[in-house]
Amino acid sequence: MTATLLWLRQDLRLRDNAALQAACARGAPLIPVYIWSPEEEGAWPPGAASRWWLHHSLEALGHELRLRGLRLILRRGRVLETLRTLIGDTGAGAVFWNRRYEPAAEQCSREMRQALSRDGLEARSFNSCLLIEPAELLNQSDRPYQVYTPFLRKVLQSLAPPAPGGVPRSLRAPSRWPSSLPLDALGLLPRVRWYAGLAASSQPGEAGALRRLKRFIAEDLGGYERTRDTPALAGTSRLSPHLHFGEIGPRQLWHALAGQRHSALFRRELIWREFGYYLLHHFPQSTDVPLHEEFVHFPWRHQLEGLAAWAAGETGIPMVDAGMRELWATGLMHNRVRMICASFLVKNLLLPWQEGARWFWDTLVDADLASNTLNWQWVAGCGADAAPYFRIFNPVLQGRRFDPRGEYVRRWIPALAALPDKLVHTPWHADQPPQSYPSPIIDLVRSRQAALDAYAAMRAERLRRAPRLV
């Protein structure tokens, strides 16, 4: 039987990989291939931190395949052209892959399936990254859900994901392998070695994902509800980059949590992730355009200085700066702090949420288009089930509540280490503020009022533009 090309995308694992299992069941030699094709990503090619993770994830997957007598073939270029070249080189009669749900990736899959089918090949895709298929779930009006709670309720009523599969027992190698690029030729690693902190805090690859899950269940799950909002503690799962690159699948997480006490809240977080993909599938324009149309007319400011200070962690607001410095150093940021930093950008600085989404996209190792879009629009008040625009996080109060002793702030801003707890979130109130730490670039009270005024102006503009009944 002719060989099967397994086109790997964001499913860089051997366990519970639907396309891999189907390819092995076909009974033919298996040729795994990864194609570095930024064109497939459309306007959102992976950012620098994500490319770093991808490099090491591919390295880990190649090692696992070699242990089983296989190779990971690496190519770069347009997907269809590259696959046709491989088909010509190998005589493959089938191409299997797992679906992605980002707009450009979905378009790429549709075009490739049509083209390969016309060529007479067996072209099949599978779901290996979500618990539900976004196209299959609509509300009672046959329209997409835009509120999370009824979506969650509907999903929980019907969700029964099958047990995850293991590594296939039969992995047949071809008699002759096609050529492959060396991993470094993909150019994923940045030329400037700024990523030492990423390497120290992360372990890309399927083995790292499984270890992270085991540790989370054993050490962190019991206190998850109590500690997940405390940035100074390791209270979150830190599984998000592993999920994004498919080093572990959601079915594996769902079933690993079965029967575990305190797992209900974390399972709801998994469904929040599903909600992001669901919305992205049904509203592909939401990566750049607010779901609530009136926000198209929101009076955003465009201050490069404010954006630069926010990105560098130099705003003079400790909880914001600590989060942005953690992001730059590790490629990750605590979820509670992400909300604080995002709120500060869009509601205190009045900068467009798209600017923040782009920065997070470039600097997060778990940068996920669905989650990034959902969460930025949620904070900005313009997305599905969004927080009201007038709900504005006060970073000082948030810091006192979730980092009362200033441990998180002191970890990322050493200049504030000597301040007492009562001043660590308001160093400008100290008799002698630290000279090496900037003063606030904005007044929190006045900027909050400016945000409310801008929101009121947007509502007035919406009423002015509304059609009048005569």
Protein backbone atom coordinates (compact mmCIF):
# COMPACT_ATOMS: atom_id res chain seq x y z
CA MET A 1 0.00 0.00 0.00
CA THR A 2 1.23 3.50 -0.79
CA ALA A 3 2.63 5.54 2.09
CA THR A 4 0.64 7.96 4.21
CA LEU A 5 1.88 11.49 4.76
CA LEU A 6 1.01 12.69 8.26
CA TRP A 7 0.92 16.48 8.01
CA LEU A 8 1.60 17.74 11.53
CA ARG A 9 0.47 21.21 12.48
CA GLN A 10 -0.35 22.09 16.12
CA ASP A 11 -0.61 18.46 17.19
CA LEU A 12 3.00 17.76 18.11
CA ARG A 13 2.44 14.58 20.09
CA LEU A 14 2.15 10.83 19.63
CA ARG A 15 -0.54 10.11 22.23
CA ASP A 16 -4.22 10.71 21.45
CA ASN A 17 -3.41 12.03 18.01
CA ALA A 18 -6.45 11.25 15.85
CA ALA A 19 -4.73 11.73 12.49
CA LEU A 20 -1.77 9.59 13.57
CA GLN A 21 -4.05 6.82 14.79
CA ALA A 22 -6.02 6.84 11.54
CA ALA A 23 -2.84 6.86 9.47
CA CYS A 24 -1.51 3.84 11.35
CA ALA A 25 -4.84 2.04 10.95
CA ARG A 26 -4.47 2.46 7.18
CA GLY A 27 -1.64 -0.04 7.44
CA ALA A 28 0.81 1.76 5.17
CA PRO A 29 4.27 3.18 5.84
CA LEU A 30 4.06 6.48 7.71
CA ILE A 31 5.94 9.67 6.84
CA PRO A 32 5.46 12.44 9.45
CA VAL A 33 6.08 15.90 8.04
CA TYR A 34 6.05 19.40 9.47
CA ILE A 35 5.91 22.33 7.04
CA TRP A 36 6.98 25.75 8.28
CA SER A 37 4.63 27.98 6.34
CA PRO A 38 3.90 31.38 7.88
CA GLU A 39 1.56 32.02 4.93
CA GLU A 40 -0.84 29.49 6.45
CA GLU A 41 -1.27 31.81 9.42
CA GLY A 42 -2.52 34.75 7.36
CA ALA A 43 -2.13 38.04 9.24
CA TRP A 44 -1.11 36.29 12.47
CA PRO A 45 2.10 34.31 11.92
CA PRO A 46 3.62 32.98 15.17
CA GLY A 47 5.40 35.56 17.30
CA ALA A 48 8.98 35.37 18.48
CA ALA A 49 8.29 33.58 21.76
CA SER A 50 5.99 31.06 20.08
CA ARG A 51 8.62 30.33 17.44
CA TRP A 52 11.13 29.61 20.20
CA TRP A 53 8.72 27.10 21.76
CA LEU A 54 7.90 25.57 18.37
CA HIS A 55 11.60 24.97 17.64
CA HIS A 56 12.04 22.98 20.84
CA SER A 57 8.71 21.18 20.48
CA LEU A 58 9.73 19.97 17.02
CA GLU A 59 13.09 18.92 18.42
CA ALA A 60 11.38 16.89 21.14
CA LEU A 61 8.93 15.28 18.71
CA GLY A 62 11.75 14.34 16.33
CA HIS A 63 13.52 12.61 19.21
CA GLU A 64 10.40 10.63 20.17
CA LEU A 65 9.89 9.53 16.56
CA ARG A 66 13.51 8.42 16.20
CA LEU A 67 13.14 6.23 19.28
CA ARG A 68 10.36 4.43 17.39
CA GLY A 69 12.20 4.05 14.10
CA LEU A 70 10.63 7.04 12.34
CA ARG A 71 11.83 10.47 11.24
CA LEU A 72 10.22 13.89 11.30
CA ILE A 73 10.56 15.39 7.84
CA LEU A 74 10.96 19.16 7.98
CA ARG A 75 10.19 21.41 5.03
CA ARG A 76 9.36 25.07 4.52
CA GLY A 77 7.21 26.72 1.87
CA ARG A 78 3.59 26.80 0.80
CA VAL A 79 1.74 23.79 2.14
CA LEU A 80 0.09 22.46 -1.01
CA GLU A 81 3.19 22.86 -3.17
CA THR A 82 5.36 21.22 -0.52
CA LEU A 83 3.01 18.28 -0.03
CA ARG A 84 2.77 17.70 -3.77
CA THR A 85 6.56 17.62 -3.95
CA LEU A 86 6.64 15.06 -1.13
CA ILE A 87 3.95 13.00 -2.81
CA GLY A 88 6.04 12.94 -5.96
CA ASP A 89 9.17 11.99 -4.00
CA THR A 90 7.50 9.20 -1.99
CA GLY A 91 4.61 7.94 -4.06
CA ALA A 92 2.30 8.56 -1.10
CA GLY A 93 -1.36 7.88 -1.74
CA ALA A 94 -2.88 9.60 1.29
CA VAL A 95 -2.46 12.74 3.39
CA PHE A 96 -3.93 12.84 6.88
CA TRP A 97 -3.93 15.80 9.25
CA ASN A 98 -5.66 17.28 12.30
CA ARG A 99 -7.89 20.30 11.91
CA ARG A 100 -7.11 23.79 13.07
CA TYR A 101 -9.77 26.46 13.54
CA GLU A 102 -8.01 29.77 12.95
CA PRO A 103 -9.47 31.49 9.84
CA ALA A 104 -6.38 31.28 7.63
CA ALA A 105 -5.64 27.71 8.73
CA GLU A 106 -9.22 26.60 7.99
CA GLN A 107 -9.00 28.16 4.53
CA CYS A 108 -5.69 26.39 3.92
CA SER A 109 -7.24 23.03 4.86
CA ARG A 110 -10.24 23.50 2.59
CA GLU A 111 -8.13 24.40 -0.40
CA MET A 112 -5.71 21.55 0.21
CA ARG A 113 -8.44 18.93 0.62
CA GLN A 114 -10.06 19.99 -2.63
CA ALA A 115 -6.76 20.03 -4.53
CA LEU A 116 -5.52 16.68 -3.24
CA SER A 117 -8.87 15.04 -3.88
CA ARG A 118 -8.75 16.27 -7.49
CA ASP A 119 -5.29 14.71 -7.68
CA GLY A 120 -6.84 11.37 -6.75
CA LEU A 121 -5.34 11.16 -3.25
CA GLU A 122 -7.05 10.20 -0.04
CA ALA A 123 -7.20 13.46 1.96
CA ARG A 124 -8.70 13.26 5.45
CA SER A 125 -8.76 15.59 8.46
CA PHE A 126 -9.58 14.90 12.11
CA ASN A 127 -10.36 16.76 15.33
CA SER A 128 -7.61 16.36 17.85
CA CYS A 129 -7.40 19.81 19.49
CA LEU A 130 -10.95 20.46 20.74
CA LEU A 131 -13.61 18.68 22.78
CA ILE A 132 -16.39 19.84 20.46
CA GLU A 133 -16.70 20.80 16.81
CA PRO A 134 -17.56 24.53 16.67
CA ALA A 135 -19.84 24.17 13.66
CA GLU A 136 -22.07 21.62 15.39
CA LEU A 137 -23.34 23.75 18.28
CA LEU A 138 -25.97 26.49 17.90
CA ASN A 139 -28.47 28.09 20.26
CA GLN A 140 -32.25 27.68 20.09
CA SER A 141 -32.42 30.35 17.40
CA ASP A 142 -29.91 28.41 15.26
CA ARG A 143 -27.34 31.11 15.81
CA PRO A 144 -23.92 30.96 17.45
CA TYR A 145 -23.75 31.45 21.20
CA GLN A 146 -22.21 34.74 22.32
CA VAL A 147 -22.66 34.31 26.08
CA TYR A 148 -20.50 31.84 27.94
CA THR A 149 -22.91 30.55 30.59
CA PRO A 150 -25.53 29.08 28.22
CA PHE A 151 -22.69 27.80 26.03
CA LEU A 152 -21.14 26.10 29.06
CA ARG A 153 -24.49 24.65 30.09
CA LYS A 154 -25.11 23.25 26.61
CA VAL A 155 -21.64 21.76 26.35
CA LEU A 156 -21.85 20.09 29.75
CA GLN A 157 -25.22 18.56 28.84
CA SER A 158 -23.83 16.74 25.83
CA LEU A 159 -20.08 16.48 26.34
CA ALA A 160 -18.79 12.92 26.56
CA PRO A 161 -15.36 12.87 24.94
CA PRO A 162 -14.07 9.37 24.18
CA ALA A 163 -11.13 8.08 26.16
CA PRO A 164 -7.82 9.29 24.75
CA GLY A 165 -5.71 6.88 22.76
CA GLY A 166 -2.11 6.04 23.47
CA VAL A 167 0.88 5.82 21.16
CA PRO A 168 -0.03 3.53 18.22
CA ARG A 169 1.68 0.18 18.46
CA SER A 170 2.28 -0.16 14.74
CA LEU A 171 4.48 2.61 13.31
CA ARG A 172 5.73 1.43 9.92
CA ALA A 173 8.68 3.22 8.41
CA PRO A 174 9.07 3.60 4.63
CA SER A 175 11.88 1.78 2.84
CA ARG A 176 13.25 5.13 1.69
CA TRP A 177 12.95 8.49 3.43
CA PRO A 178 12.55 11.81 1.60
CA SER A 179 15.04 14.57 2.31
CA SER A 180 14.52 16.85 5.28
CA LEU A 181 15.78 20.25 6.28
CA PRO A 182 17.77 20.53 9.50
CA LEU A 183 15.68 22.12 12.25
CA ASP A 184 17.85 25.24 12.38
CA ALA A 185 17.08 25.89 8.70
CA LEU A 186 13.51 26.79 9.62
CA GLY A 187 14.87 29.93 11.27
CA LEU A 188 12.57 29.72 14.29
CA LEU A 189 15.09 30.79 16.92
CA PRO A 190 15.81 34.53 17.20
CA ARG A 191 19.27 35.71 16.27
CA VAL A 192 19.66 37.58 19.55
CA ARG A 193 19.70 35.20 22.53
CA TRP A 194 17.09 36.90 24.70
CA TYR A 195 15.28 33.69 25.59
CA ALA A 196 17.31 32.36 28.54
CA GLY A 197 14.37 33.01 30.86
CA LEU A 198 12.04 31.04 28.61
CA ALA A 199 14.38 28.07 28.66
CA ALA A 200 14.68 28.21 32.45
CA SER A 201 10.93 28.29 33.06
CA SER A 202 9.60 25.98 30.34
CA GLN A 203 10.06 22.46 28.97
CA PRO A 204 8.53 22.19 25.49
CA GLY A 205 7.50 18.78 24.15
CA GLU A 206 5.10 15.97 24.90
CA ALA A 207 7.17 14.58 27.77
CA GLY A 208 7.25 18.02 29.40
CA ALA A 209 3.48 18.32 29.00
CA LEU A 210 2.83 14.97 30.66
CA ARG A 211 5.15 15.83 33.54
CA ARG A 212 3.48 19.22 33.96
CA LEU A 213 0.03 17.57 34.07
CA LYS A 214 1.16 14.97 36.60
CA ARG A 215 2.66 17.64 38.83
CA PHE A 216 -0.42 19.84 38.58
CA ILE A 217 -2.74 17.04 39.66
CA ALA A 218 -0.46 15.90 42.46
CA GLU A 219 0.57 19.28 43.88
CA ASP A 220 -1.64 22.12 42.66
CA LEU A 221 -5.13 20.91 41.77
CA GLY A 222 -6.27 20.60 45.39
CA GLY A 223 -5.66 24.29 46.01
CA TYR A 224 -6.46 25.50 42.50
CA GLU A 225 -9.64 27.36 43.41
CA ARG A 226 -7.91 29.07 46.33
CA THR A 227 -4.50 29.86 44.80
CA ARG A 228 -5.10 30.35 41.06
CA ASP A 229 -5.54 34.12 41.55
CA THR A 230 -2.36 34.53 43.62
CA PRO A 231 0.46 35.41 41.21
CA ALA A 232 3.23 34.83 43.77
CA LEU A 233 2.25 31.14 43.98
CA ALA A 234 2.50 28.35 41.41
CA GLY A 235 -1.24 27.86 41.58
CA THR A 236 -2.07 27.57 37.88
CA SER A 237 -1.54 24.58 35.61
CA ARG A 238 0.93 26.20 33.18
CA LEU A 239 -0.38 23.78 30.58
CA SER A 240 -1.49 26.44 28.10
CA PRO A 241 1.58 26.37 25.80
CA HIS A 242 1.49 22.56 25.77
CA LEU A 243 -2.19 22.70 24.77
CA HIS A 244 -1.56 25.33 22.13
CA PHE A 245 1.10 23.31 20.35
CA GLY A 246 -0.80 20.07 20.77
CA GLU A 247 1.84 18.45 22.96
CA ILE A 248 -1.12 17.32 25.02
CA GLY A 249 -4.78 17.20 23.99
CA PRO A 250 -7.91 18.40 25.78
CA ARG A 251 -9.33 14.87 25.93
CA GLN A 252 -6.23 13.78 27.84
CA LEU A 253 -6.78 16.58 30.35
CA TRP A 254 -10.52 15.94 30.61
CA HIS A 255 -10.06 12.27 31.42
CA ALA A 256 -7.01 12.79 33.65
CA LEU A 257 -9.20 15.03 35.81
CA ALA A 258 -12.06 12.53 35.95
CA GLY A 259 -12.70 11.53 39.54
CA GLN A 260 -10.27 14.13 40.89
CA ARG A 261 -11.56 16.34 43.66
CA HIS A 262 -11.51 20.09 42.95
CA SER A 263 -11.43 19.50 39.17
CA ALA A 264 -14.75 21.18 38.22
CA LEU A 265 -13.32 24.71 38.03
CA PHE A 266 -10.38 23.67 35.88
CA ARG A 267 -12.71 21.79 33.54
CA ARG A 268 -14.71 24.98 33.11
CA GLU A 269 -11.47 26.71 32.12
CA LEU A 270 -11.04 24.07 29.41
CA ILE A 271 -14.52 24.88 28.13
CA TRP A 272 -13.67 28.61 28.19
CA ARG A 273 -10.86 27.69 25.80
CA GLU A 274 -13.39 25.86 23.65
CA PHE A 275 -15.57 29.00 23.71
CA GLY A 276 -12.69 30.99 22.25
CA TYR A 277 -12.30 28.61 19.33
CA TYR A 278 -16.06 28.47 18.88
CA LEU A 279 -16.26 32.25 18.55
CA LEU A 280 -13.24 32.44 16.27
CA HIS A 281 -14.83 29.88 13.94
CA HIS A 282 -18.15 31.71 13.78
CA PHE A 283 -16.75 35.27 13.87
CA PRO A 284 -13.37 35.10 12.09
CA GLN A 285 -13.18 38.90 11.78
CA SER A 286 -12.99 39.21 15.59
CA THR A 287 -9.19 38.99 15.58
CA ASP A 288 -9.13 42.62 14.47
CA VAL A 289 -12.71 43.94 14.65
CA PRO A 290 -14.81 44.27 17.84
CA LEU A 291 -17.83 41.99 18.03
CA HIS A 292 -19.89 44.89 19.37
CA GLU A 293 -19.99 47.22 16.39
CA GLU A 294 -20.36 50.41 18.41
CA PHE A 295 -16.75 50.00 19.58
CA VAL A 296 -15.61 50.74 16.04
CA HIS A 297 -16.31 54.37 16.98
CA PHE A 298 -14.65 54.26 20.41
CA PRO A 299 -12.37 57.31 20.86
CA TRP A 300 -9.12 55.45 21.39
CA ARG A 301 -5.91 57.35 21.88
CA HIS A 302 -2.75 56.53 19.94
CA GLN A 303 0.16 57.33 22.24
CA LEU A 304 3.36 55.53 21.32
CA GLU A 305 4.98 56.62 24.57
CA GLY A 306 2.27 55.02 26.70
CA LEU A 307 2.36 51.81 24.68
CA ALA A 308 6.15 51.62 24.94
CA ALA A 309 6.11 52.18 28.72
CA TRP A 310 3.43 49.49 29.14
CA ALA A 311 5.31 46.96 27.01
CA ALA A 312 8.58 47.60 28.85
CA GLY A 313 7.06 47.41 32.33
CA GLU A 314 7.91 51.06 33.01
CA THR A 315 4.48 52.57 33.78
CA GLY A 316 5.21 53.26 37.44
CA ILE A 317 2.27 51.04 38.47
CA PRO A 318 3.85 48.01 40.22
CA MET A 319 1.31 45.25 39.44
CA VAL A 320 1.26 46.23 35.77
CA ASP A 321 5.03 46.51 35.50
CA ALA A 322 5.65 43.24 37.35
CA GLY A 323 3.35 41.41 34.94
CA MET A 324 4.92 42.91 31.84
CA ARG A 325 8.41 42.09 33.10
CA GLU A 326 7.39 38.53 33.90
CA LEU A 327 6.05 38.24 30.36
CA TRP A 328 9.27 39.46 28.78
CA ALA A 329 11.47 37.26 30.97
CA THR A 330 9.51 34.00 30.82
CA GLY A 331 7.09 34.18 27.90
CA LEU A 332 4.24 33.68 30.35
CA MET A 333 2.16 35.85 32.65
CA HIS A 334 -0.16 34.90 35.48
CA ASN A 335 -3.79 34.97 34.33
CA ARG A 336 -4.99 37.41 36.98
CA VAL A 337 -2.14 39.77 36.10
CA ARG A 338 -2.95 39.48 32.38
CA MET A 339 -6.37 40.94 33.13
CA ILE A 340 -4.86 43.74 35.21
CA CYS A 341 -2.32 44.65 32.52
CA ALA A 342 -4.91 44.48 29.74
CA SER A 343 -7.39 46.63 31.66
CA PHE A 344 -4.71 49.22 32.33
CA LEU A 345 -3.85 49.46 28.64
CA VAL A 346 -7.38 49.82 27.29
CA LYS A 347 -9.11 51.63 30.16
CA ASN A 348 -6.46 53.76 31.80
CA LEU A 349 -4.25 54.51 28.80
CA LEU A 350 -7.23 54.30 26.38
CA LEU A 351 -5.06 52.47 23.86
CA PRO A 352 -6.73 50.07 21.38
CA TRP A 353 -7.05 46.48 22.53
CA GLN A 354 -5.59 45.36 19.19
CA GLU A 355 -2.24 46.90 20.22
CA GLY A 356 -2.19 44.83 23.39
CA ALA A 357 -3.26 41.69 21.55
CA ARG A 358 -0.37 42.12 19.12
CA TRP A 359 2.18 42.54 21.92
CA PHE A 360 0.92 39.49 23.78
CA TRP A 361 0.91 37.57 20.51
CA ASP A 362 4.61 38.27 20.00
CA THR A 363 5.79 37.70 23.56
CA LEU A 364 3.67 34.83 24.95
CA VAL A 365 4.85 31.26 24.42
CA ASP A 366 1.20 30.21 24.76
CA ALA A 367 -0.01 32.84 22.27
CA ASP A 368 -3.22 31.30 20.95
CA LEU A 369 -5.27 33.25 18.44
CA ALA A 370 -8.63 32.09 19.81
CA SER A 371 -7.81 32.72 23.48
CA ASN A 372 -5.91 35.93 22.79
CA THR A 373 -8.84 37.36 20.82
CA LEU A 374 -11.50 36.23 23.29
CA ASN A 375 -9.71 37.56 26.34
CA TRP A 376 -8.64 40.93 24.93
CA GLN A 377 -12.14 41.64 23.64
CA TRP A 378 -13.53 40.48 26.98
CA VAL A 379 -11.38 42.96 28.94
CA ALA A 380 -12.05 45.75 26.45
CA GLY A 381 -15.80 45.25 26.84
CA CYS A 382 -16.38 44.80 23.12
CA GLY A 383 -16.51 41.02 22.75
CA ALA A 384 -18.73 38.07 23.53
CA ASP A 385 -19.88 37.90 27.15
CA ALA A 386 -17.52 40.80 27.79
CA ALA A 387 -16.90 42.55 31.07
CA PRO A 388 -18.80 45.87 30.99
CA TYR A 389 -16.55 48.67 29.82
CA PHE A 390 -17.20 50.56 33.02
CA ARG A 391 -15.72 47.67 35.07
CA ILE A 392 -12.17 48.94 35.40
CA PHE A 393 -9.52 47.02 37.29
CA ASN A 394 -7.71 49.21 39.80
CA PRO A 395 -4.17 47.77 39.78
CA VAL A 396 -3.42 49.05 43.29
CA LEU A 397 -6.48 47.41 44.81
CA GLN A 398 -5.88 44.26 42.77
CA GLY A 399 -2.31 44.16 44.04
CA ARG A 400 -3.33 44.58 47.67
CA ARG A 401 -5.93 41.84 47.32
CA PHE A 402 -3.99 39.23 45.35
CA ASP A 403 -0.39 40.12 46.29
CA PRO A 404 -0.86 41.54 49.80
CA ARG A 405 2.76 41.06 50.87
CA GLY A 406 4.16 42.24 47.57
CA GLU A 407 5.99 38.98 46.88
CA TYR A 408 5.15 38.96 43.20
CA VAL A 409 5.96 42.64 42.73
CA ARG A 410 9.28 42.35 44.54
CA ARG A 411 10.24 39.28 42.47
CA TRP A 412 9.98 41.20 39.21
CA ILE A 413 10.79 44.73 40.39
CA PRO A 414 13.84 44.48 42.69
CA ALA A 415 13.90 48.27 43.04
CA LEU A 416 10.85 47.99 45.29
CA ALA A 417 12.21 45.18 47.47
CA ALA A 418 12.99 47.41 50.47
CA LEU A 419 9.56 49.05 50.65
CA PRO A 420 7.15 47.95 53.40
CA ASP A 421 4.11 45.91 52.38
CA LYS A 422 1.75 48.88 52.72
CA LEU A 423 3.74 50.90 50.17
CA VAL A 424 4.91 48.26 47.70
CA HIS A 425 1.87 48.86 45.46
CA THR A 426 2.03 52.66 45.84
CA PRO A 427 5.75 53.52 45.92
CA TRP A 428 4.96 57.14 44.98
CA HIS A 429 3.57 57.56 48.51
CA ALA A 430 6.88 56.67 50.13
CA ASP A 431 8.86 59.47 51.80
CA GLN A 432 11.74 58.59 49.51
CA PRO A 433 10.45 56.75 46.43
CA PRO A 434 13.05 54.47 44.80
CA GLN A 435 15.06 56.53 42.33
CA SER A 436 15.48 53.63 39.89
CA TYR A 437 11.75 53.06 39.51
CA PRO A 438 9.64 55.48 37.42
CA SER A 439 6.82 57.63 38.69
CA PRO A 440 3.34 56.72 37.41
CA ILE A 441 2.80 57.78 33.82
CA ILE A 442 -0.88 58.36 34.51
CA ASP A 443 -3.21 59.18 37.41
CA LEU A 444 -5.40 56.15 38.09
CA VAL A 445 -8.40 58.13 39.34
CA ARG A 446 -8.41 60.67 36.53
CA SER A 447 -7.75 58.06 33.86
CA ARG A 448 -10.64 55.97 35.15
CA GLN A 449 -12.95 58.94 34.76
CA ALA A 450 -11.55 59.60 31.27
CA ALA A 451 -12.42 56.01 30.34
CA LEU A 452 -15.97 56.43 31.60
CA ASP A 453 -16.28 59.69 29.66
CA ALA A 454 -15.02 57.98 26.51
CA TYR A 455 -17.54 55.19 26.99
CA ALA A 456 -20.33 57.76 27.40
CA ALA A 457 -19.16 59.52 24.23
CA MET A 458 -19.28 56.23 22.33
CA ARG A 459 -22.83 55.55 23.52
CA ALA A 460 -23.89 59.04 22.49
CA GLU A 461 -22.38 58.49 19.05
CA ARG A 462 -24.21 55.18 18.74
CA LEU A 463 -27.52 56.90 19.53
CA ARG A 464 -26.75 59.66 17.06
CA ARG A 465 -26.10 57.11 14.30
CA ALA A 466 -29.15 54.98 15.12
CA PRO A 467 -31.95 55.22 12.55
CA ARG A 468 -34.85 57.37 13.70
CA LEU A 469 -38.46 56.30 13.48
CA VAL A 470 -40.54 59.08 11.91
